[in-house]
Amino acid sequence: MSSSYRQILKSSALIGGSSIINVLLGVVRTKVMAVLIGTEGMGLFGAFSSVTALVGGIAGMGINTSGVRQIAAAMASNDPQRTARTIVTIRRAAFFLGSLGMLSLLALSKPIAQATFGNPQQALALALLSVTILCSAVTAGQTALLQGHRRIGDLAALNVWGSVFGTAISIPLIFLLRAQGIVPVLVAVSALALLTSWWYARRVKTPRITLCWSEFCTELRSLVGLGMVFMSAGLMMSAVSYLTRVLVIHQMSLEASGLYQAAWTLSSVYVGFILSAMGADYYPRLTAVANDHKLVDRLVNEQTEVSLLLALPGVLGTLAFAPGVLHLLYSPHFAPAAEIVRWQTLGVLGRVITWPMGFVVLAKGCARTFLWMEIASNLLHLGFIWLGLRWFGLRGLGLAFFGLYVFYGFLVFAVVRKLVGFHWTVSNARLIAAGLLLGTLVLFLTSGILPQSLGVALSGIVFLATCFYSMQRLGQILGCPLPLLLAEKLRARFRIAAA
């Protein structure tokens, strides 16, 4: 069990280390963009990102997610030929589908611009962004190859270099072109991500095989059959994100959309590395043992406990210091986004709790069940967003996200309990309850009922106490105080480097 916990922490540390670098570079990149293009420019950036994510989700056909599962399953069977066929199929399919998506956005740029912005003025910009669809599809296929092989170090390095190159190209373009540089930035970043993913994917050695057209179609049917379900789920999420921005732009303004974009980024920036580590390491491991229900139960509980212990300090810190962080990362004009951030951050905590269970449905290959869960969740989320905007304004967007994960938590627990007989351990049930109570407490303390300085001070005490408890508990799990373990790892690294 200690070995399993160490594996979870190792993958979280590698992805987390790369995420820290990404966050630091992202702070610089976001600060420059916020100052130079303002809230309206950030709203435009968010709208373009939503459109390309939506079209890219359709074009990708979900093969990046189904590909990870297929590669992990093939490797578990110890059949190199089967693994090679899967890899070749993923690479060919990614290029073909990405090309189709690129041509589709190019052809439909004018009506999409009309639907998004209420006028066709951004049609040329969307046409230029069509190349990002091809780059993103091929990048996703190559990342699936690394993820399926659980090459966590390469995935971490890929994230770091992608962020470094993205920052290096984004800042000069935005500085020189201001809002006119948004499209060149998105195109350049996607192209650099493609080159970086190719560099690491080429290191994966697979047997050379000749795959004829009929064999390719056979492999593709298996890949796309499950991928269509993942694509539909991803498409629904992208559609909700796109429609949210459309509703905000039409009912409020492009500036309000920029506030929402800032809140969305801030609320999820800390736990992003935890969720990324789940996809990179936990999902393939879970797929390999999906038929052993006792082991699945144990893995879910272990992943949940470690994820919560890592996430809680960051969640509480974001809740406590949201206005100051928005000022630091963006500018004083983004202060109203704090109302969205707090409720959305509680929703992110729900995401940390529910995702380890949700991966069970994917690992078991229960495509129909997964699809119906996503349909129900996304329809409810869209309804919450519409009501939240009408009743609470921008704050309603955060409330909608929190409400989504309250519903999804009950839904996914019921489904996974039926699939594998899952149940929480007593310690995890207590940890989840404590996390939700502490999050609610900090939200209450910073809601304006108390004087601001007193509320922040009390929230800071809760934050520091949670940091101390998390480090102590992780040390107990590993059988060694966490600072000592980290120090030993660093000493070992330095000894290797010196040798």
Protein backbone atom coordinates (compact mmCIF):
# COMPACT_ATOMS: atom_id res chain seq x y z
CA MET A 1 0.00 0.00 0.00
CA SER A 2 2.88 2.37 0.81
CA SER A 3 4.26 1.66 -2.68
CA SER A 4 0.92 2.61 -4.23
CA TYR A 5 0.77 5.84 -2.24
CA ARG A 6 4.34 6.62 -3.26
CA GLN A 7 3.43 6.10 -6.92
CA ILE A 8 0.51 8.53 -6.58
CA LEU A 9 2.72 11.11 -4.89
CA LYS A 10 5.54 10.58 -7.38
CA SER A 11 3.28 11.23 -10.37
CA SER A 12 1.66 14.17 -8.55
CA ALA A 13 5.10 15.57 -7.73
CA LEU A 14 6.36 15.28 -11.31
CA ILE A 15 3.23 16.77 -12.83
CA GLY A 16 3.04 19.23 -9.93
CA GLY A 17 6.62 20.37 -10.43
CA SER A 18 5.94 21.06 -14.08
CA SER A 19 2.67 22.75 -13.12
CA ILE A 20 4.46 25.10 -10.72
CA ILE A 21 6.68 26.24 -13.57
CA ASN A 22 3.62 26.54 -15.79
CA VAL A 23 1.82 28.59 -13.15
CA LEU A 24 4.76 30.95 -12.67
CA LEU A 25 5.11 31.46 -16.40
CA GLY A 26 1.34 31.73 -16.68
CA VAL A 27 1.34 34.48 -14.03
CA VAL A 28 3.79 36.49 -16.12
CA ARG A 29 1.92 35.77 -19.36
CA THR A 30 -1.51 36.52 -17.90
CA LYS A 31 -0.34 39.69 -16.16
CA VAL A 32 1.12 41.06 -19.39
CA MET A 33 -2.01 40.18 -21.35
CA ALA A 34 -4.36 41.62 -18.72
CA VAL A 35 -2.46 44.92 -18.59
CA LEU A 36 -2.01 45.26 -22.35
CA ILE A 37 -5.40 44.07 -23.66
CA GLY A 38 -7.68 44.54 -20.62
CA THR A 39 -10.87 42.75 -19.70
CA GLU A 40 -12.34 43.05 -23.19
CA GLY A 41 -9.25 41.51 -24.76
CA MET A 42 -9.32 38.66 -22.24
CA GLY A 43 -12.97 38.11 -23.13
CA LEU A 44 -12.03 37.88 -26.80
CA PHE A 45 -9.22 35.46 -25.93
CA GLY A 46 -11.69 33.27 -23.97
CA ALA A 47 -14.23 33.31 -26.80
CA PHE A 48 -11.66 32.26 -29.41
CA SER A 49 -10.41 29.51 -27.09
CA SER A 50 -13.95 28.21 -26.59
CA VAL A 51 -14.64 28.07 -30.33
CA THR A 52 -11.44 26.19 -31.13
CA ALA A 53 -12.01 23.83 -28.19
CA LEU A 54 -15.53 23.09 -29.43
CA VAL A 55 -14.48 22.43 -33.04
CA GLY A 56 -11.39 20.55 -31.89
CA GLY A 57 -13.51 18.37 -29.63
CA ILE A 58 -15.69 17.37 -32.57
CA ALA A 59 -12.71 16.78 -34.85
CA GLY A 60 -10.78 14.74 -32.28
CA MET A 61 -13.57 12.12 -31.97
CA GLY A 62 -12.34 11.38 -28.44
CA ILE A 63 -9.39 9.30 -29.65
CA ASN A 64 -7.01 11.03 -27.23
CA THR A 65 -8.96 9.56 -24.27
CA SER A 66 -9.93 6.24 -25.83
CA GLY A 67 -6.36 5.93 -27.15
CA VAL A 68 -4.95 6.07 -23.62
CA ARG A 69 -7.27 3.27 -22.56
CA GLN A 70 -6.49 1.16 -25.66
CA ILE A 71 -2.73 1.55 -25.26
CA ALA A 72 -2.87 0.78 -21.52
CA ALA A 73 -5.01 -2.31 -22.18
CA ALA A 74 -2.70 -3.47 -25.00
CA MET A 75 0.37 -3.09 -22.81
CA ALA A 76 -1.34 -5.00 -19.99
CA SER A 77 -1.84 -7.90 -22.45
CA ASN A 78 1.97 -8.02 -23.12
CA ASP A 79 1.36 -8.09 -26.87
CA PRO A 80 3.82 -5.70 -28.65
CA GLN A 81 2.10 -6.17 -32.01
CA ARG A 82 -1.27 -5.17 -30.59
CA THR A 83 0.30 -2.11 -28.96
CA ALA A 84 2.02 -1.13 -32.23
CA ARG A 85 -1.24 -1.44 -34.21
CA THR A 86 -3.02 0.78 -31.72
CA ILE A 87 -0.29 3.43 -31.85
CA VAL A 88 -0.17 3.55 -35.66
CA THR A 89 -3.96 3.81 -35.80
CA ILE A 90 -4.02 6.68 -33.29
CA ARG A 91 -1.37 8.64 -35.21
CA ARG A 92 -3.07 8.25 -38.58
CA ALA A 93 -6.52 8.98 -37.20
CA ALA A 94 -5.30 12.11 -35.37
CA PHE A 95 -3.86 13.59 -38.57
CA PHE A 96 -6.89 12.74 -40.70
CA LEU A 97 -9.48 14.00 -38.20
CA GLY A 98 -7.46 17.13 -37.42
CA SER A 99 -7.30 17.99 -41.13
CA LEU A 100 -11.06 17.51 -41.44
CA GLY A 101 -11.66 19.78 -38.44
CA MET A 102 -9.36 22.46 -39.84
CA LEU A 103 -11.23 22.54 -43.15
CA SER A 104 -14.60 22.63 -41.33
CA LEU A 105 -13.71 25.69 -39.24
CA LEU A 106 -12.27 27.37 -42.33
CA ALA A 107 -15.52 26.85 -44.24
CA LEU A 108 -17.85 27.81 -41.36
CA SER A 109 -15.89 30.72 -39.90
CA LYS A 110 -18.45 33.36 -40.91
CA PRO A 111 -21.59 31.77 -39.42
CA ILE A 112 -19.68 30.79 -36.26
CA ALA A 113 -18.47 34.38 -35.85
CA GLN A 114 -22.04 35.62 -36.30
CA ALA A 115 -23.37 33.20 -33.67
CA THR A 116 -20.58 33.96 -31.18
CA PHE A 117 -20.17 37.72 -31.40
CA GLY A 118 -23.44 38.82 -33.01
CA ASN A 119 -21.58 40.00 -36.13
CA PRO A 120 -19.23 38.48 -38.76
CA GLN A 121 -16.29 40.79 -38.02
CA GLN A 122 -14.19 38.03 -36.42
CA ALA A 123 -14.67 35.57 -39.31
CA LEU A 124 -11.15 36.10 -40.67
CA ALA A 125 -9.67 35.55 -37.21
CA LEU A 126 -11.55 32.25 -36.86
CA ALA A 127 -10.43 31.18 -40.33
CA LEU A 128 -6.81 31.77 -39.34
CA LEU A 129 -7.36 29.83 -36.11
CA SER A 130 -8.42 26.76 -38.10
CA VAL A 131 -4.79 25.61 -38.26
CA THR A 132 -4.84 25.19 -34.47
CA ILE A 133 -7.41 22.39 -34.88
CA LEU A 134 -4.95 20.25 -36.87
CA CYS A 135 -2.06 21.04 -34.50
CA SER A 136 -4.13 20.24 -31.42
CA ALA A 137 -5.44 16.95 -32.82
CA VAL A 138 -1.97 15.64 -33.68
CA THR A 139 -0.62 16.86 -30.33
CA ALA A 140 -3.43 15.04 -28.50
CA GLY A 141 -2.61 11.81 -30.34
CA GLN A 142 1.07 12.03 -29.40
CA THR A 143 0.25 12.91 -25.80
CA ALA A 144 -2.09 9.89 -25.61
CA LEU A 145 0.88 7.73 -26.64
CA LEU A 146 2.98 9.06 -23.74
CA GLN A 147 0.09 8.83 -21.30
CA GLY A 148 -0.80 5.26 -22.27
CA HIS A 149 2.82 4.25 -21.63
CA ARG A 150 2.74 6.16 -18.32
CA ARG A 151 5.81 8.19 -19.26
CA ILE A 152 5.14 10.69 -16.49
CA GLY A 153 8.56 12.34 -16.72
CA ASP A 154 8.13 13.02 -20.44
CA LEU A 155 4.62 14.37 -19.87
CA ALA A 156 5.94 16.71 -17.19
CA ALA A 157 8.77 17.89 -19.45
CA LEU A 158 6.30 18.33 -22.30
CA ASN A 159 4.17 20.60 -20.11
CA VAL A 160 7.17 22.67 -19.02
CA TRP A 161 8.63 23.22 -22.46
CA GLY A 162 5.20 23.92 -23.94
CA SER A 163 4.70 26.65 -21.34
CA VAL A 164 8.21 28.06 -21.80
CA PHE A 165 7.85 28.30 -25.58
CA GLY A 166 4.28 29.61 -25.27
CA THR A 167 5.36 32.39 -22.92
CA ALA A 168 8.41 33.27 -25.02
CA ILE A 169 6.25 33.79 -28.11
CA SER A 170 3.12 35.23 -26.44
CA ILE A 171 4.61 38.21 -24.60
CA PRO A 172 6.41 39.81 -27.60
CA LEU A 173 3.39 39.34 -29.89
CA ILE A 174 0.93 40.82 -27.39
CA PHE A 175 3.32 43.67 -26.58
CA LEU A 176 3.73 44.57 -30.27
CA LEU A 177 0.22 43.89 -31.56
CA ARG A 178 -2.00 44.24 -28.45
CA ALA A 179 -5.45 42.66 -29.11
CA GLN A 180 -4.48 42.00 -32.74
CA GLY A 181 -1.86 39.57 -31.43
CA ILE A 182 -4.37 37.16 -29.84
CA VAL A 183 -4.81 35.08 -33.00
CA PRO A 184 -1.07 34.86 -33.82
CA VAL A 185 -0.43 33.85 -30.19
CA LEU A 186 -2.97 31.00 -30.30
CA VAL A 187 -1.61 29.74 -33.64
CA ALA A 188 2.03 29.94 -32.53
CA VAL A 189 1.38 28.23 -29.20
CA SER A 190 -0.46 25.32 -30.85
CA ALA A 191 2.34 24.86 -33.40
CA LEU A 192 5.01 24.87 -30.68
CA ALA A 193 2.99 22.37 -28.64
CA LEU A 194 2.88 20.09 -31.70
CA LEU A 195 6.65 20.21 -32.16
CA THR A 196 7.31 19.60 -28.47
CA SER A 197 4.95 16.61 -28.30
CA TRP A 198 6.56 15.10 -31.40
CA TRP A 199 10.02 15.43 -29.81
CA TYR A 200 8.99 13.34 -26.78
CA ALA A 201 6.66 10.92 -28.59
CA ARG A 202 9.45 9.83 -30.95
CA ARG A 203 11.29 8.38 -27.93
CA VAL A 204 8.65 5.67 -27.47
CA LYS A 205 10.04 2.63 -29.26
CA THR A 206 7.44 0.38 -30.90
CA PRO A 207 7.85 -2.52 -33.34
CA ARG A 208 7.68 -1.51 -36.99
CA ILE A 209 4.56 -2.91 -38.60
CA THR A 210 2.77 -2.56 -41.91
CA LEU A 211 -0.87 -1.72 -41.40
CA CYS A 212 -3.02 -2.13 -44.51
CA TRP A 213 -6.21 -0.15 -45.05
CA SER A 214 -8.56 -2.94 -43.92
CA GLU A 215 -6.56 -3.51 -40.72
CA PHE A 216 -6.50 0.21 -40.08
CA CYS A 217 -10.29 0.41 -40.43
CA THR A 218 -10.74 -2.52 -38.04
CA GLU A 219 -8.51 -0.89 -35.43
CA LEU A 220 -10.14 2.49 -36.02
CA ARG A 221 -13.64 1.14 -35.39
CA SER A 222 -12.58 -0.13 -31.98
CA LEU A 223 -10.84 3.16 -31.20
CA VAL A 224 -13.59 5.45 -32.46
CA GLY A 225 -16.41 3.36 -30.99
CA LEU A 226 -15.38 4.30 -27.48
CA GLY A 227 -13.86 7.57 -28.64
CA MET A 228 -17.23 8.77 -29.95
CA VAL A 229 -18.59 8.57 -26.42
CA PHE A 230 -15.63 10.51 -25.03
CA MET A 231 -15.93 12.97 -27.90
CA SER A 232 -19.61 13.50 -27.13
CA ALA A 233 -18.81 14.13 -23.47
CA GLY A 234 -15.98 16.51 -24.31
CA LEU A 235 -18.14 18.20 -26.93
CA MET A 236 -20.88 18.80 -24.38
CA MET A 237 -18.41 20.37 -21.96
CA SER A 238 -16.96 22.56 -24.72
CA ALA A 239 -20.49 23.48 -25.83
CA VAL A 240 -21.45 24.51 -22.29
CA SER A 241 -18.25 26.59 -22.04
CA TYR A 242 -18.98 28.19 -25.41
CA LEU A 243 -22.65 28.86 -24.64
CA THR A 244 -21.72 30.33 -21.26
CA ARG A 245 -19.52 32.91 -22.92
CA VAL A 246 -22.16 33.61 -25.57
CA LEU A 247 -24.78 34.18 -22.84
CA VAL A 248 -22.45 36.47 -20.89
CA ILE A 249 -21.46 38.45 -24.00
CA HIS A 250 -25.07 38.85 -25.19
CA GLN A 251 -26.68 39.49 -21.79
CA MET A 252 -23.84 41.56 -20.31
CA SER A 253 -20.70 42.45 -22.29
CA LEU A 254 -17.38 41.22 -23.61
CA GLU A 255 -15.82 42.75 -20.48
CA ALA A 256 -17.98 40.51 -18.27
CA SER A 257 -16.80 37.52 -20.31
CA GLY A 258 -13.22 38.56 -19.50
CA LEU A 259 -14.04 38.56 -15.78
CA TYR A 260 -15.46 35.05 -16.11
CA GLN A 261 -12.35 33.91 -18.00
CA ALA A 262 -10.13 35.23 -15.20
CA ALA A 263 -12.26 33.54 -12.51
CA TRP A 264 -12.25 30.22 -14.35
CA THR A 265 -8.46 30.26 -14.70
CA LEU A 266 -7.77 31.25 -11.09
CA SER A 267 -10.19 28.78 -9.50
CA SER A 268 -8.63 25.77 -11.22
CA VAL A 269 -4.97 26.73 -11.54
CA TYR A 270 -3.82 25.07 -8.31
CA VAL A 271 -5.65 21.74 -8.59
CA GLY A 272 -4.83 21.45 -12.27
CA PHE A 273 -1.68 19.45 -11.57
CA ILE A 274 -3.62 17.01 -9.36
CA LEU A 275 -6.22 16.38 -12.05
CA SER A 276 -3.50 16.12 -14.71
CA ALA A 277 -1.65 13.54 -12.61
CA MET A 278 -4.85 11.48 -12.37
CA GLY A 279 -5.08 11.31 -16.14
CA ALA A 280 -1.37 10.67 -16.63
CA ASP A 281 -0.82 7.90 -14.08
CA TYR A 282 -3.97 6.89 -12.19
CA TYR A 283 -6.20 6.31 -15.25
CA PRO A 284 -3.81 3.86 -17.01
CA ARG A 285 -3.14 2.03 -13.71
CA LEU A 286 -6.87 1.76 -13.06
CA THR A 287 -7.51 0.46 -16.60
CA ALA A 288 -4.95 -2.33 -16.14
CA VAL A 289 -6.79 -3.69 -13.04
CA ALA A 290 -10.37 -2.73 -13.96
CA ASN A 291 -11.70 -6.27 -13.47
CA ASP A 292 -10.35 -6.60 -9.90
CA HIS A 293 -13.04 -4.75 -7.97
CA LYS A 294 -11.30 -4.92 -4.59
CA LEU A 295 -8.16 -3.41 -6.07
CA VAL A 296 -10.21 -0.76 -7.87
CA ASP A 297 -11.89 0.15 -4.58
CA ARG A 298 -8.49 0.52 -2.91
CA LEU A 299 -6.98 2.58 -5.72
CA VAL A 300 -9.93 5.01 -5.75
CA ASN A 301 -9.70 5.56 -1.99
CA GLU A 302 -5.93 6.03 -2.10
CA GLN A 303 -6.11 8.47 -5.00
CA THR A 304 -8.92 10.42 -3.33
CA GLU A 305 -7.09 10.73 -0.02
CA VAL A 306 -3.82 11.93 -1.53
CA SER A 307 -5.58 14.28 -3.95
CA LEU A 308 -7.62 15.88 -1.18
CA LEU A 309 -4.62 16.30 1.11
CA LEU A 310 -2.75 18.01 -1.72
CA ALA A 311 -5.73 20.09 -2.91
CA LEU A 312 -7.28 21.37 0.32
CA PRO A 313 -4.57 23.94 1.20
CA GLY A 314 -4.70 25.43 -2.29
CA VAL A 315 -8.51 25.50 -2.35
CA LEU A 316 -8.71 27.25 1.03
CA GLY A 317 -5.93 29.66 0.05
CA THR A 318 -7.77 30.60 -3.14
CA LEU A 319 -11.00 31.14 -1.19
CA ALA A 320 -9.25 33.29 1.43
CA PHE A 321 -7.08 35.47 -0.79
CA ALA A 322 -9.02 35.63 -4.10
CA PRO A 323 -9.27 39.46 -4.37
CA GLY A 324 -5.54 39.96 -3.73
CA VAL A 325 -4.55 37.19 -6.13
CA LEU A 326 -6.78 38.64 -8.87
CA HIS A 327 -5.13 42.02 -8.34
CA LEU A 328 -1.67 40.42 -8.51
CA LEU A 329 -2.27 38.14 -11.50
CA TYR A 330 -4.42 40.48 -13.55
CA SER A 331 -5.17 44.08 -12.55
CA PRO A 332 -7.53 46.02 -10.22
CA HIS A 333 -10.18 45.98 -12.98
CA PHE A 334 -10.65 42.22 -12.40
CA ALA A 335 -11.71 42.59 -8.74
CA PRO A 336 -15.42 41.81 -9.44
CA ALA A 337 -14.37 38.30 -10.57
CA ALA A 338 -13.78 37.38 -6.89
CA GLU A 339 -17.53 36.74 -6.52
CA ILE A 340 -17.31 34.00 -9.15
CA VAL A 341 -13.98 32.61 -7.94
CA ARG A 342 -15.12 31.67 -4.43
CA TRP A 343 -18.11 29.54 -5.41
CA GLN A 344 -16.30 28.11 -8.40
CA THR A 345 -13.39 27.07 -6.16
CA LEU A 346 -15.80 25.07 -3.99
CA GLY A 347 -16.93 23.39 -7.20
CA VAL A 348 -13.30 22.58 -8.02
CA LEU A 349 -13.04 20.87 -4.63
CA GLY A 350 -16.02 18.76 -5.71
CA ARG A 351 -14.14 17.91 -8.89
CA VAL A 352 -11.17 16.62 -6.87
CA ILE A 353 -13.53 14.41 -4.85
CA THR A 354 -15.49 13.00 -7.79
CA TRP A 355 -12.88 12.48 -10.52
CA PRO A 356 -11.20 9.41 -8.94
CA MET A 357 -14.63 7.72 -9.03
CA GLY A 358 -15.41 8.98 -12.52
CA PHE A 359 -12.28 7.36 -13.95
CA VAL A 360 -13.68 3.97 -12.88
CA VAL A 361 -16.45 4.31 -15.48
CA LEU A 362 -13.84 5.06 -18.16
CA ALA A 363 -11.52 2.26 -17.06
CA LYS A 364 -14.38 -0.26 -17.17
CA GLY A 365 -15.26 0.90 -20.70
CA CYS A 366 -18.91 1.55 -19.76
CA ALA A 367 -19.49 3.88 -22.70
CA ARG A 368 -23.27 4.15 -22.52
CA THR A 369 -23.31 4.79 -18.77
CA PHE A 370 -20.62 7.43 -19.08
CA LEU A 371 -22.49 9.17 -21.90
CA TRP A 372 -25.77 9.37 -19.98
CA MET A 373 -23.96 10.71 -16.92
CA GLU A 374 -22.40 13.45 -19.03
CA ILE A 375 -25.68 14.33 -20.75
CA ALA A 376 -27.47 14.71 -17.43
CA SER A 377 -24.65 16.72 -15.84
CA ASN A 378 -24.12 19.12 -18.74
CA LEU A 379 -27.82 19.81 -19.26
CA LEU A 380 -28.18 20.54 -15.56
CA HIS A 381 -25.09 22.76 -15.61
CA LEU A 382 -26.42 24.76 -18.54
CA GLY A 383 -29.74 25.20 -16.74
CA PHE A 384 -27.94 26.35 -13.59
CA ILE A 385 -25.91 28.85 -15.64
CA TRP A 386 -29.01 30.34 -17.26
CA LEU A 387 -30.81 30.68 -13.93
CA GLY A 388 -27.69 31.90 -12.14
CA LEU A 389 -27.12 34.72 -14.64
CA ARG A 390 -30.75 35.81 -14.41
CA TRP A 391 -30.96 35.73 -10.61
CA PHE A 392 -27.43 36.50 -9.38
CA GLY A 393 -25.51 38.01 -12.29
CA LEU A 394 -21.85 37.01 -12.63
CA ARG A 395 -21.81 35.36 -9.19
CA GLY A 396 -24.42 32.94 -10.54
CA LEU A 397 -21.80 31.37 -12.80
CA GLY A 398 -19.80 30.26 -9.76
CA LEU A 399 -22.94 29.04 -8.00
CA ALA A 400 -23.85 27.02 -11.10
CA PHE A 401 -20.48 25.27 -11.14
CA PHE A 402 -20.73 24.43 -7.44
CA GLY A 403 -24.29 23.12 -7.91
CA LEU A 404 -23.12 20.93 -10.79
CA TYR A 405 -20.60 19.07 -8.63
CA VAL A 406 -23.07 18.62 -5.77
CA PHE A 407 -25.32 16.79 -8.23
CA TYR A 408 -22.46 14.96 -9.97
CA GLY A 409 -21.04 13.74 -6.66
CA PHE A 410 -24.22 11.87 -5.77
CA LEU A 411 -24.62 10.59 -9.34
CA VAL A 412 -21.10 9.20 -9.83
CA PHE A 413 -21.04 7.61 -6.37
CA ALA A 414 -24.25 5.72 -7.11
CA VAL A 415 -22.97 4.55 -10.52
CA VAL A 416 -19.54 3.40 -9.28
CA ARG A 417 -21.09 1.66 -6.27
CA LYS A 418 -23.25 -0.34 -8.67
CA LEU A 419 -20.33 -1.11 -11.02
CA VAL A 420 -17.70 -2.26 -8.51
CA GLY A 421 -19.37 -2.16 -5.08
CA PHE A 422 -17.38 0.95 -4.18
CA HIS A 423 -17.49 2.50 -0.71
CA TRP A 424 -15.52 5.22 1.05
CA THR A 425 -13.16 4.30 3.83
CA VAL A 426 -14.06 5.89 7.18
CA SER A 427 -10.99 8.15 7.08
CA ASN A 428 -11.86 9.36 3.58
CA ALA A 429 -15.48 10.06 4.52
CA ARG A 430 -14.25 12.18 7.42
CA LEU A 431 -11.69 13.95 5.24
CA ILE A 432 -14.32 14.81 2.60
CA ALA A 433 -16.73 16.12 5.24
CA ALA A 434 -13.98 18.18 6.89
CA GLY A 435 -12.87 19.63 3.54
CA LEU A 436 -16.38 20.71 2.59
CA LEU A 437 -17.01 22.21 6.05
CA LEU A 438 -13.72 24.13 6.01
CA GLY A 439 -14.41 25.43 2.51
CA THR A 440 -17.86 26.62 3.57
CA LEU A 441 -16.39 28.24 6.69
CA VAL A 442 -13.76 30.19 4.72
CA LEU A 443 -16.41 31.22 2.18
CA PHE A 444 -18.54 32.55 5.05
CA LEU A 445 -15.59 34.39 6.65
CA THR A 446 -14.74 36.18 3.38
CA SER A 447 -18.30 36.90 2.26
CA GLY A 448 -18.35 40.44 3.72
CA ILE A 449 -20.33 39.64 6.85
CA LEU A 450 -17.20 40.28 8.94
CA PRO A 451 -14.77 43.19 8.47
CA GLN A 452 -12.48 42.34 5.56
CA SER A 453 -9.24 42.32 7.55
CA LEU A 454 -10.72 40.08 10.27
CA GLY A 455 -12.22 37.69 7.73
CA VAL A 456 -8.93 37.36 5.84
CA ALA A 457 -6.98 36.87 9.09
CA LEU A 458 -9.27 34.10 10.34
CA SER A 459 -9.26 32.46 6.90
CA GLY A 460 -5.48 32.60 6.90
CA ILE A 461 -5.38 30.73 10.22
CA VAL A 462 -7.63 28.00 8.79
CA PHE A 463 -5.41 27.83 5.70
CA LEU A 464 -2.17 27.45 7.71
CA ALA A 465 -3.72 24.82 10.03
CA THR A 466 -4.85 22.82 6.98
CA CYS A 467 -1.35 23.02 5.44
CA PHE A 468 0.13 21.65 8.67
CA TYR A 469 -2.40 18.81 8.89
CA SER A 470 -1.97 17.82 5.23
CA MET A 471 1.81 17.58 5.54
CA GLN A 472 1.53 15.61 8.78
CA ARG A 473 -1.00 13.17 7.33
CA LEU A 474 0.99 12.61 4.13
CA GLY A 475 4.02 11.85 6.31
CA GLN A 476 1.99 9.27 8.26
CA ILE A 477 0.83 7.60 5.05
CA LEU A 478 4.37 7.32 3.73
CA GLY A 479 5.87 6.31 7.06
CA CYS A 480 8.28 9.25 6.95
CA PRO A 481 7.82 13.00 7.57
CA LEU A 482 7.22 14.65 4.20
CA PRO A 483 9.97 17.31 4.55
CA LEU A 484 12.52 14.59 5.34
CA LEU A 485 11.37 12.51 2.38
CA LEU A 486 11.64 15.51 0.04
CA ALA A 487 15.08 16.38 1.43
CA GLU A 488 16.27 12.81 0.86
CA LYS A 489 14.98 12.87 -2.72
CA LEU A 490 16.78 16.16 -3.37
CA ARG A 491 20.03 14.81 -1.88
CA ALA A 492 19.75 11.73 -4.10
CA ARG A 493 19.23 13.94 -7.15
CA PHE A 494 22.26 16.06 -6.30
CA ARG A 495 24.40 12.95 -5.76
CA ILE A 496 23.40 11.61 -9.18
CA ALA A 497 24.06 15.00 -10.79
CA ALA A 498 27.48 15.24 -9.11
CA ALA A 499 28.41 11.72 -10.21
